[in-house]
Amino acid sequence: MLIILEKIGWGMLALTGFVGGIIGLALPVIPQVPFFLLALFALSRLSPRFHRWLTSRHWYQRMVVPVLEKFHAKRQTKKRVLIKAEQD
């Protein structure tokens, strides 16, 4: 039951992001990119098949993976610093 509710929640979030992006295309005051990114994130959480498809695209590998690696490296560095500080 909880899994069904989680999927419905991610689906509603994806739909909301997509609708917000479409509205943002029609109205120049509202930005559309954050809404479309929200929809992509929610869809990738909703469907493992969509997530595999998304991460296998060449533009994703070229533009998103380097950013994620930099963020991950910074996070690992922060953890090392915290562990080092606790040991001292």
C-alpha atoms as a PDB file:
ATOM      1  CA  MET A   1       0.000   0.000   0.000  1.00  0.00           C
ATOM      2  CA  LEU A   2       2.829   2.377   0.853  1.00  0.00           C
ATOM      3  CA  ILE A   3       4.565   1.668  -2.464  1.00  0.00           C
ATOM      4  CA  ILE A   4       1.380   2.501  -4.371  1.00  0.00           C
ATOM      5  CA  LEU A   5       1.030   5.789  -2.483  1.00  0.00           C
ATOM      6  CA  GLU A   6       4.676   6.606  -3.172  1.00  0.00           C
ATOM      7  CA  LYS A   7       4.220   5.961  -6.895  1.00  0.00           C
ATOM      8  CA  ILE A   8       1.076   8.088  -6.968  1.00  0.00           C
ATOM      9  CA  GLY A   9       2.973  10.889  -5.200  1.00  0.00           C
ATOM     10  CA  TRP A  10       5.869  10.795  -7.677  1.00  0.00           C
ATOM     11  CA  GLY A  11       3.401  10.645 -10.552  1.00  0.00           C
ATOM     12  CA  MET A  12       1.507  13.677  -9.284  1.00  0.00           C
ATOM     13  CA  LEU A  13       4.775  15.568  -8.786  1.00  0.00           C
ATOM     14  CA  ALA A  14       5.863  14.699 -12.343  1.00  0.00           C
ATOM     15  CA  LEU A  15       2.524  15.802 -13.737  1.00  0.00           C
ATOM     16  CA  THR A  16       2.647  19.042 -11.755  1.00  0.00           C
ATOM     17  CA  GLY A  17       6.169  19.754 -13.003  1.00  0.00           C
ATOM     18  CA  PHE A  18       5.197  19.061 -16.597  1.00  0.00           C
ATOM     19  CA  VAL A  19       2.101  21.268 -16.418  1.00  0.00           C
ATOM     20  CA  GLY A  20       4.153  24.015 -14.753  1.00  0.00           C
ATOM     21  CA  GLY A  21       6.715  23.767 -17.544  1.00  0.00           C
ATOM     22  CA  ILE A  22       4.038  24.036 -20.219  1.00  0.00           C
ATOM     23  CA  ILE A  23       2.560  27.077 -18.465  1.00  0.00           C
ATOM     24  CA  GLY A  24       6.072  28.524 -18.258  1.00  0.00           C
ATOM     25  CA  LEU A  25       6.435  28.140 -22.027  1.00  0.00           C
ATOM     26  CA  ALA A  26       3.225  30.074 -22.586  1.00  0.00           C
ATOM     27  CA  LEU A  27       3.880  32.802 -20.005  1.00  0.00           C
ATOM     28  CA  PRO A  28       7.293  34.485 -20.150  1.00  0.00           C
ATOM     29  CA  VAL A  29       7.081  35.522 -16.474  1.00  0.00           C
ATOM     30  CA  ILE A  30       7.206  31.928 -15.162  1.00  0.00           C
ATOM     31  CA  PRO A  31      10.451  29.968 -15.691  1.00  0.00           C
ATOM     32  CA  GLN A  32       9.914  26.599 -17.367  1.00  0.00           C
ATOM     33  CA  VAL A  33      13.279  24.899 -16.815  1.00  0.00           C
ATOM     34  CA  PRO A  34      12.882  24.189 -13.059  1.00  0.00           C
ATOM     35  CA  PHE A  35       9.466  22.688 -13.680  1.00  0.00           C
ATOM     36  CA  PHE A  36      10.727  20.400 -16.441  1.00  0.00           C
ATOM     37  CA  LEU A  37      13.678  19.365 -14.261  1.00  0.00           C
ATOM     38  CA  LEU A  38      11.240  18.565 -11.467  1.00  0.00           C
ATOM     39  CA  ALA A  39       9.190  16.446 -13.883  1.00  0.00           C
ATOM     40  CA  LEU A  40      12.298  14.558 -15.052  1.00  0.00           C
ATOM     41  CA  PHE A  41      13.421  13.919 -11.479  1.00  0.00           C
ATOM     42  CA  ALA A  42       9.995  12.694 -10.411  1.00  0.00           C
ATOM     43  CA  LEU A  43       9.661  10.453 -13.477  1.00  0.00           C
ATOM     44  CA  SER A  44      13.083   8.929 -12.841  1.00  0.00           C
ATOM     45  CA  ARG A  45      12.044   8.165  -9.250  1.00  0.00           C
ATOM     46  CA  LEU A  46       8.715   6.773 -10.440  1.00  0.00           C
ATOM     47  CA  SER A  47      10.040   4.462 -13.155  1.00  0.00           C
ATOM     48  CA  PRO A  48      13.379   2.600 -13.097  1.00  0.00           C
ATOM     49  CA  ARG A  49      12.970   1.984 -16.828  1.00  0.00           C
ATOM     50  CA  PHE A  50      12.721   5.739 -17.502  1.00  0.00           C
ATOM     51  CA  HIS A  51      15.733   6.326 -15.240  1.00  0.00           C
ATOM     52  CA  ARG A  52      17.814   3.817 -17.240  1.00  0.00           C
ATOM     53  CA  TRP A  53      16.714   5.421 -20.495  1.00  0.00           C
ATOM     54  CA  LEU A  54      17.506   8.923 -19.227  1.00  0.00           C
ATOM     55  CA  THR A  55      20.960   8.061 -17.905  1.00  0.00           C
ATOM     56  CA  SER A  56      21.923   6.241 -21.114  1.00  0.00           C
ATOM     57  CA  ARG A  57      21.442   9.338 -23.316  1.00  0.00           C
ATOM     58  CA  HIS A  58      24.662  10.912 -24.641  1.00  0.00           C
ATOM     59  CA  TRP A  59      23.637  14.452 -23.653  1.00  0.00           C
ATOM     60  CA  TYR A  60      23.054  13.271 -20.070  1.00  0.00           C
ATOM     61  CA  GLN A  61      26.491  11.663 -19.994  1.00  0.00           C
ATOM     62  CA  ARG A  62      28.095  14.793 -21.424  1.00  0.00           C
ATOM     63  CA  MET A  63      26.349  17.467 -19.360  1.00  0.00           C
ATOM     64  CA  VAL A  64      24.923  16.013 -16.147  1.00  0.00           C
ATOM     65  CA  VAL A  65      27.420  13.343 -15.090  1.00  0.00           C
ATOM     66  CA  PRO A  66      30.373  15.764 -14.688  1.00  0.00           C
ATOM     67  CA  VAL A  67      28.264  18.020 -12.460  1.00  0.00           C
ATOM     68  CA  LEU A  68      27.154  15.059 -10.346  1.00  0.00           C
ATOM     69  CA  GLU A  69      30.736  13.835 -10.031  1.00  0.00           C
ATOM     70  CA  LYS A  70      31.912  17.248  -8.850  1.00  0.00           C
ATOM     71  CA  PHE A  71      29.123  17.394  -6.269  1.00  0.00           C
ATOM     72  CA  HIS A  72      29.895  13.864  -5.109  1.00  0.00           C
ATOM     73  CA  ALA A  73      33.603  14.636  -4.827  1.00  0.00           C
ATOM     74  CA  LYS A  74      32.866  17.680  -2.695  1.00  0.00           C
ATOM     75  CA  ARG A  75      30.617  15.619  -0.470  1.00  0.00           C
ATOM     76  CA  GLN A  76      33.321  12.967  -0.005  1.00  0.00           C
ATOM     77  CA  THR A  77      35.864  15.661   0.818  1.00  0.00           C
ATOM     78  CA  LYS A  78      33.514  17.112   3.444  1.00  0.00           C
ATOM     79  CA  LYS A  79      33.078  13.669   4.991  1.00  0.00           C
ATOM     80  CA  ARG A  80      36.843  13.145   5.138  1.00  0.00           C
ATOM     81  CA  VAL A  81      37.339  16.513   6.795  1.00  0.00           C
ATOM     82  CA  LEU A  82      34.635  15.769   9.369  1.00  0.00           C
ATOM     83  CA  ILE A  83      36.074  12.323  10.125  1.00  0.00           C
ATOM     84  CA  LYS A  84      39.553  13.824  10.431  1.00  0.00           C
ATOM     85  CA  ALA A  85      38.263  16.536  12.786  1.00  0.00           C
ATOM     86  CA  GLU A  86      36.525  13.943  14.978  1.00  0.00           C
ATOM     87  CA  GLN A  87      39.735  11.907  15.249  1.00  0.00           C
ATOM     88  CA  ASP A  88      41.805  14.902  16.395  1.00  0.00           C
END
